[in-house]
Each structure stands twice: as structure tokens, then as C-alpha cells.
């Protein structure tokens, strides 16, 4: 069995992000969407736009985002555009707020809970996808990485509520928790199908708070920075990040592990593997050697 490769470097720099994309040997072509997290104003941990400039320039990509489904400064198109300018994304890149005008439905024939995923309408225009994720904790998901960026990140504002509610947006904060985690896997699978595998993933393991970059008031990181990973398999790269957290010799890892375990965070990995979009088994390739 040929296991998917996950590449790893301890260097954390803009140049290392580009190298970790290039080592994949997968050239993303035509119209390239680059999914980032624009960062909720007030959050101190999100990765700034300058950090990703070499790789975004290399793929000639368009930075893409969607509006949020909760109160804040990214929950309307006008507010989100202002945040994108405030944080410097609009000044450095072509930016597409994909659900600015509408949403599109992608069917999920074999979803565990969802039979359709609602994404920003503009997502359907792109031919390939580069997902640049800041791996860290998350108040609901336990952790956020490639799979969360594929699912919640590309969903429209309505689609986010739909995923959180496991198919019922009225239950955005009250749905069964495990059903929510599995619904994220459902949504991620639909995005992978739509993009026809023309995707690459880079996870940056630094500033790893227990909280997401969507939190305006976030805990400071306790665990030391670990490095950058890349893969063409979204399940494998997230699994590798979780494994590296557990393997860390930094005692600060305890808070992040507690966040992952208390939210049953690894369920999304199991569900996504069962849906056939990746493998929890992988080969870790250290590019520093």
C-alpha cells in the first residue's frame, strides 16, 4: 500500500511555505483559489498576509474567503471587506469574497448527515485550490486545519450554519456535537469532489492557541512552534499535525491536547477517511535532512 506523503520542515518562514508547496511536485494551474483565514479583528494569533506572499505569488492565486455565521467583523460582506483591508490582504492580493453575491449547492450523495453543501458561489469558477491553514485549537472542533478550511472555510455564511447544525441551520449552536464534526467531513468531501483533486495543502504549526483565529479574544499559545507540513491529502496532513502535537516534548502541549480530546476533535479525521477523501495513515518525510 502506497501511503500518502506528508512533508515536514521545522523552519517557519515565508520562504519555507513556498518550498513546502514546491516539494509536492503538484503544479496548480489555471484559476487558483488560495484559501486563507482572514483573521477576526482583535485576534493576535492569525498568520499575516505577508507570510504567505511567496507561495501566493508563485501560483498566481486569488485569495478567497467567505462570510461568517456569527457576530463579529466578518459576518457581512461590507464588514468582511473592511477587515480584509485592515489586515492587509486586499493590498497584497486579488481577493474574492466568494459568497458576496450568492451561494452554490454541491451534492453529497454519500454524506453521513448532509446531502448538500452550500459554498460561496464564486468557488465554482476555480480550477484548483491551495489551502493555507494555520493549525491550532478550536473552541468547537477541537482543532482547525486543512479539513476545517475545506468545510467551514469554503461554506457560505448560510452553509456554515448548515454544517454546524448538521443540516438544520436553526441548530447552529445546539446540534449534536459529533454530528457537527461528521458534517464538517461531509462538506470537505464535497469540496474535494468539486475541485476534482486539484488541491494542495500547507499547514503551519505556530502560534498554536487552543482558540481559533475566528476568536476576537483568544488565549495565548502555550505549546512551542513545531514547523510546516504539506501534502495533497487533507486527512493525512491534519492527522500528522495532531500526531506531532502529541509527540512534542513541550509541556505546554497539555492545553491543546485537552482542547482536542474534550471536543472529540479527531472524529473529523475518522469521518473524512471513511468518506474516501484521505488516509489517516501516512509517510512523514522530513525535508530538513
Protein backbone atom coordinates (compact mmCIF):
# COMPACT_ATOMS: atom_id res chain seq x y z
CA UNK A 1 0.00 0.00 0.00
CA UNK A 2 1.39 3.39 -1.01
CA UNK A 3 0.78 5.76 1.87
CA UNK A 4 0.24 9.45 1.16
CA UNK A 5 3.29 11.57 1.86
CA UNK A 6 3.24 14.41 4.34
CA UNK A 7 6.30 16.64 4.10
CA UNK A 8 7.67 18.35 7.20
CA UNK A 9 10.15 21.11 8.00
CA UNK A 10 10.94 22.78 11.30
CA UNK A 11 11.67 26.06 9.54
CA UNK A 12 8.83 28.55 9.81
CA UNK A 13 9.24 31.33 7.26
CA UNK A 14 7.56 32.67 4.11
CA UNK A 15 10.30 31.00 2.03
CA UNK A 16 9.69 27.67 3.76
CA UNK A 17 5.97 27.83 2.90
CA UNK A 18 6.88 28.12 -0.77
CA UNK A 19 9.39 25.27 -0.56
CA UNK A 20 6.83 23.04 1.13
CA UNK A 21 4.40 23.66 -1.71
CA UNK A 22 7.07 23.03 -4.34
CA UNK A 23 8.21 19.75 -2.77
CA UNK A 24 4.78 18.31 -3.50
CA UNK A 25 5.53 18.41 -7.22
CA UNK A 26 1.90 19.32 -7.89
CA UNK A 27 1.53 22.36 -10.10
CA UNK A 28 -1.79 24.05 -9.54
CA UNK A 29 -2.96 25.58 -12.79
CA UNK A 30 -5.46 27.90 -14.42
CA UNK A 31 -7.67 29.74 -11.93
CA UNK A 32 -6.17 29.02 -8.50
CA UNK A 33 -8.16 29.75 -5.35
CA UNK A 34 -5.98 30.24 -2.26
CA UNK A 35 -7.97 29.66 0.92
CA UNK A 36 -6.65 31.53 3.95
CA UNK A 37 -8.11 32.71 7.25
CA UNK A 38 -8.51 36.47 7.14
CA UNK A 39 -8.43 36.70 10.95
CA UNK A 40 -11.07 38.15 13.25
CA UNK A 41 -10.12 41.69 14.35
CA UNK A 42 -8.67 41.52 17.84
CA UNK A 43 -7.13 38.08 17.32
CA UNK A 44 -3.38 38.09 17.93
CA UNK A 45 -2.50 34.68 16.53
CA UNK A 46 -3.62 34.58 12.88
CA UNK A 47 -0.96 34.44 10.17
CA UNK A 48 -0.47 37.75 8.41
CA UNK A 49 -0.76 38.14 4.62
CA UNK A 50 2.96 38.86 4.15
CA UNK A 51 3.78 35.40 5.49
CA UNK A 52 2.15 33.73 2.50
CA UNK A 53 3.29 36.13 -0.22
CA UNK A 54 5.97 33.95 -1.89
CA UNK A 55 3.65 30.98 -2.39
CA UNK A 56 0.58 33.01 -3.40
CA UNK A 57 2.68 34.90 -5.93
CA UNK A 58 4.14 31.62 -7.23
CA UNK A 59 0.74 30.10 -8.02
CA UNK A 60 -0.69 33.45 -9.20
CA UNK A 61 -3.60 32.74 -6.93
CA UNK A 62 -6.64 34.67 -5.77
CA UNK A 63 -7.12 34.82 -2.02
CA UNK A 64 -10.62 33.51 -1.21
CA UNK A 65 -12.79 33.75 1.86
CA UNK A 66 -16.48 33.55 2.85
CA UNK A 67 -18.53 35.45 5.38
CA UNK A 68 -19.05 34.09 8.89
CA UNK A 69 -22.27 32.94 10.53
CA UNK A 70 -21.72 34.60 13.92
CA UNK A 71 -21.45 38.12 15.27
CA UNK A 72 -18.17 39.88 14.58
CA UNK A 73 -16.42 41.92 11.94
CA UNK A 74 -16.55 39.34 9.14
CA UNK A 75 -20.25 38.40 9.16
CA UNK A 76 -21.36 40.76 6.39
CA UNK A 77 -19.78 41.50 3.06
CA UNK A 78 -19.10 45.14 3.93
CA UNK A 79 -17.60 44.29 7.32
CA UNK A 80 -15.53 41.44 5.94
CA UNK A 81 -14.14 43.59 3.13
CA UNK A 82 -13.17 46.19 5.69
CA UNK A 83 -11.39 43.50 7.74
CA UNK A 84 -9.58 42.23 4.65
CA UNK A 85 -8.31 45.75 4.07
CA UNK A 86 -7.49 46.33 7.74
CA UNK A 87 -5.41 43.16 7.89
CA UNK A 88 -3.63 43.88 4.61
CA UNK A 89 -4.96 41.09 2.39
CA UNK A 90 -6.59 43.40 -0.14
CA UNK A 91 -3.45 45.48 -0.53
CA UNK A 92 -1.25 42.50 -1.41
CA UNK A 93 -3.54 40.20 -3.38
CA UNK A 94 -6.56 39.87 -5.57
CA UNK A 95 -9.25 38.93 -3.03
CA UNK A 96 -12.55 37.17 -3.71
CA UNK A 97 -15.23 37.07 -1.04
CA UNK A 98 -16.89 34.06 -2.62
CA UNK A 99 -20.37 34.41 -1.11
CA UNK A 100 -20.55 38.15 -1.66
CA UNK A 101 -23.46 37.77 -4.06
CA UNK A 102 -24.75 34.21 -3.78
CA UNK A 103 -24.06 30.62 -2.83
CA UNK A 104 -23.90 27.37 -4.79
CA UNK A 105 -25.04 23.89 -3.79
CA UNK A 106 -22.77 20.84 -4.15
CA UNK A 107 -24.49 17.48 -3.71
CA UNK A 108 -23.09 14.93 -1.23
CA UNK A 109 -24.59 11.57 -2.29
CA UNK A 110 -22.95 9.56 0.48
CA UNK A 111 -22.78 12.13 3.27
CA UNK A 112 -23.19 10.96 6.85
CA UNK A 113 -25.54 13.83 7.70
CA UNK A 114 -25.50 16.32 4.82
CA UNK A 115 -26.75 15.64 1.31
CA UNK A 116 -25.77 19.07 0.07
CA UNK A 117 -23.08 21.64 0.90
CA UNK A 118 -23.62 25.36 0.39
CA UNK A 119 -20.44 27.12 -0.69
CA UNK A 120 -19.64 30.61 -1.85
CA UNK A 121 -20.94 30.81 -5.43
CA UNK A 122 -17.60 32.02 -6.82
CA UNK A 123 -15.89 28.81 -5.70
CA UNK A 124 -17.38 27.11 -8.76
CA UNK A 125 -15.27 29.35 -11.03
CA UNK A 126 -11.92 27.96 -9.85
CA UNK A 127 -9.94 25.11 -11.37
CA UNK A 128 -7.61 24.34 -8.46
CA UNK A 129 -7.25 25.05 -4.77
CA UNK A 130 -4.35 25.83 -2.45
CA UNK A 131 -5.37 25.61 1.21
CA UNK A 132 -3.06 27.52 3.55
CA UNK A 133 -4.05 26.61 7.08
CA UNK A 134 -2.91 27.81 10.46
CA UNK A 135 -3.08 24.68 12.58
CA UNK A 136 -4.32 25.48 16.10
CA UNK A 137 -7.05 24.62 18.56
CA UNK A 138 -10.73 25.41 18.11
CA UNK A 139 -13.50 26.05 20.67
CA UNK A 140 -15.91 23.64 18.94
CA UNK A 141 -13.91 21.46 16.55
CA UNK A 142 -11.06 20.76 18.96
CA UNK A 143 -8.56 21.74 16.30
CA UNK A 144 -8.60 23.56 13.00
CA UNK A 145 -6.51 22.63 9.98
CA UNK A 146 -6.97 21.62 6.36
CA UNK A 147 -10.31 19.84 6.82
CA UNK A 148 -11.90 22.75 8.66
CA UNK A 149 -10.66 25.13 5.97
CA UNK A 150 -12.16 22.88 3.28
CA UNK A 151 -15.52 22.67 5.01
CA UNK A 152 -16.45 25.64 7.19
CA UNK A 153 -13.95 27.88 5.38
CA UNK A 154 -15.41 27.48 1.89
CA UNK A 155 -19.03 27.33 3.02
CA UNK A 156 -21.18 30.40 2.59
CA UNK A 157 -22.45 32.13 5.71
CA UNK A 158 -25.64 30.08 5.44
CA UNK A 159 -23.58 26.99 4.65
CA UNK A 160 -21.57 27.44 7.84
CA UNK A 161 -24.76 27.45 9.90
CA UNK A 162 -25.99 24.44 7.92
CA UNK A 163 -22.82 22.47 8.72
CA UNK A 164 -22.81 23.50 12.38
CA UNK A 165 -26.45 22.45 12.64
CA UNK A 166 -25.76 19.10 10.93
CA UNK A 167 -28.27 20.01 8.24
CA UNK A 168 -30.50 22.32 10.29
CA UNK A 169 -29.13 25.89 10.39
CA UNK A 170 -31.54 26.72 13.21
CA UNK A 171 -29.45 24.42 15.40
CA UNK A 172 -26.19 26.20 14.62
CA UNK A 173 -25.03 26.05 18.27
CA UNK A 174 -27.26 23.27 19.60
CA UNK A 175 -26.90 20.31 17.22
CA UNK A 176 -25.41 17.03 18.39
CA UNK A 177 -21.68 17.67 18.62
CA UNK A 178 -20.43 14.53 16.91
CA UNK A 179 -22.93 15.09 14.10
CA UNK A 180 -21.44 18.55 13.60
CA UNK A 181 -17.92 17.09 13.35
CA UNK A 182 -19.08 14.48 10.84
CA UNK A 183 -20.95 17.17 8.90
CA UNK A 184 -17.67 19.06 8.50
CA UNK A 185 -16.23 15.90 6.95
CA UNK A 186 -19.26 15.66 4.64
CA UNK A 187 -18.72 19.25 3.48
CA UNK A 188 -14.99 18.74 2.98
CA UNK A 189 -15.67 15.69 0.82
CA UNK A 190 -17.96 17.70 -1.47
CA UNK A 191 -15.29 20.37 -1.99
CA UNK A 192 -12.69 17.72 -2.88
CA UNK A 193 -15.12 16.22 -5.39
CA UNK A 194 -15.90 19.61 -6.92
CA UNK A 195 -12.22 20.54 -7.32
CA UNK A 196 -11.51 17.06 -8.79
CA UNK A 197 -8.44 16.51 -6.64
CA UNK A 198 -6.68 19.62 -7.98
CA UNK A 199 -5.72 20.68 -4.47
CA UNK A 200 -2.67 21.09 -2.26
CA UNK A 201 -2.47 21.71 1.48
CA UNK A 202 0.02 23.53 3.70
CA UNK A 203 -0.42 23.55 7.49
CA UNK A 204 1.63 25.96 9.59
CA UNK A 205 2.15 24.85 13.20
CA UNK A 206 2.95 28.07 15.06
CA UNK A 207 1.04 30.39 17.41
CA UNK A 208 -0.99 27.33 18.40
CA UNK A 209 -3.56 28.70 20.80
CA UNK A 210 -6.40 26.49 21.98
CA UNK A 211 -8.63 29.04 20.24
CA UNK A 212 -9.29 29.62 16.56
CA UNK A 213 -8.30 32.68 14.56
CA UNK A 214 -12.05 33.41 14.43
CA UNK A 215 -11.94 34.40 18.11
CA UNK A 216 -11.59 38.14 18.68
CA UNK A 217 -10.38 37.34 22.21
CA UNK A 218 -8.13 34.29 22.06
CA UNK A 219 -5.90 32.52 24.54
CA UNK A 220 -2.17 32.97 24.05
CA UNK A 221 -0.34 29.88 22.76
CA UNK A 222 1.21 27.58 25.37
CA UNK A 223 2.88 24.98 23.14
CA UNK A 224 6.09 25.83 21.27
CA UNK A 225 6.04 26.20 17.49
CA UNK A 226 6.63 22.93 15.59
CA UNK A 227 7.00 23.61 11.85
CA UNK A 228 5.29 23.50 8.46
CA UNK A 229 3.69 20.49 6.76
CA UNK A 230 2.42 19.96 3.22
CA UNK A 231 0.50 17.22 1.44
CA UNK A 232 -2.04 16.55 -1.27
CA UNK A 233 -4.07 14.58 1.31
CA UNK A 234 -6.13 16.74 3.71
CA UNK A 235 -6.75 13.90 6.16
CA UNK A 236 -3.11 12.83 6.31
CA UNK A 237 -1.80 16.36 6.90
CA UNK A 238 -4.24 17.04 9.75
CA UNK A 239 -3.52 13.64 11.30
CA UNK A 240 0.21 14.34 11.11
CA UNK A 241 -0.27 17.68 12.86
CA UNK A 242 -2.23 16.04 15.68
CA UNK A 243 0.45 13.36 15.99
CA UNK A 244 3.19 15.99 16.19
CA UNK A 245 1.34 17.77 18.98
CA UNK A 246 1.15 14.57 21.00
CA UNK A 247 4.82 13.79 20.24
CA UNK A 248 6.03 17.24 21.31
CA UNK A 249 8.31 17.35 24.35
CA UNK A 250 6.91 20.78 25.30
CA UNK A 251 4.75 20.57 28.46
CA UNK A 252 2.63 23.36 27.01
CA UNK A 253 1.04 20.78 24.74
CA UNK A 254 -1.28 19.72 27.56
CA UNK A 255 -3.75 22.56 26.96
CA UNK A 256 -4.01 21.89 23.24
CA UNK A 257 -4.40 18.15 23.76
CA UNK A 258 -7.14 18.78 26.31
CA UNK A 259 -8.94 21.00 23.81
CA UNK A 260 -8.72 18.34 21.08
CA UNK A 261 -9.83 15.47 23.34
CA UNK A 262 -12.61 17.35 25.15
CA UNK A 263 -14.22 18.17 21.78
CA UNK A 264 -13.64 14.68 20.30
CA UNK A 265 -11.73 16.55 17.61
CA UNK A 266 -10.23 13.54 15.86
CA UNK A 267 -13.70 12.31 14.86
CA UNK A 268 -13.47 14.52 11.76
CA UNK A 269 -10.38 12.55 10.70
CA UNK A 270 -12.19 9.25 11.06
CA UNK A 271 -15.25 10.50 9.19
CA UNK A 272 -13.25 12.06 6.35
CA UNK A 273 -11.25 8.87 5.89
CA UNK A 274 -14.47 6.84 5.77
CA UNK A 275 -15.78 9.20 3.09
CA UNK A 276 -12.72 8.42 0.98
CA UNK A 277 -11.04 11.82 0.78
CA UNK A 278 -7.83 10.82 2.52
CA UNK A 279 -5.92 8.49 4.80
CA UNK A 280 -5.08 8.67 8.49
CA UNK A 281 -2.04 6.50 7.74
CA UNK A 282 0.76 8.42 6.06
CA UNK A 283 4.50 8.64 5.49
CA UNK A 284 6.15 11.61 7.16
CA UNK A 285 9.04 12.95 5.06
CA UNK A 286 11.41 15.29 6.88
CA UNK A 287 12.79 17.69 4.27
CA UNK A 288 15.36 19.13 6.69
CA UNK A 289 17.53 16.03 6.44
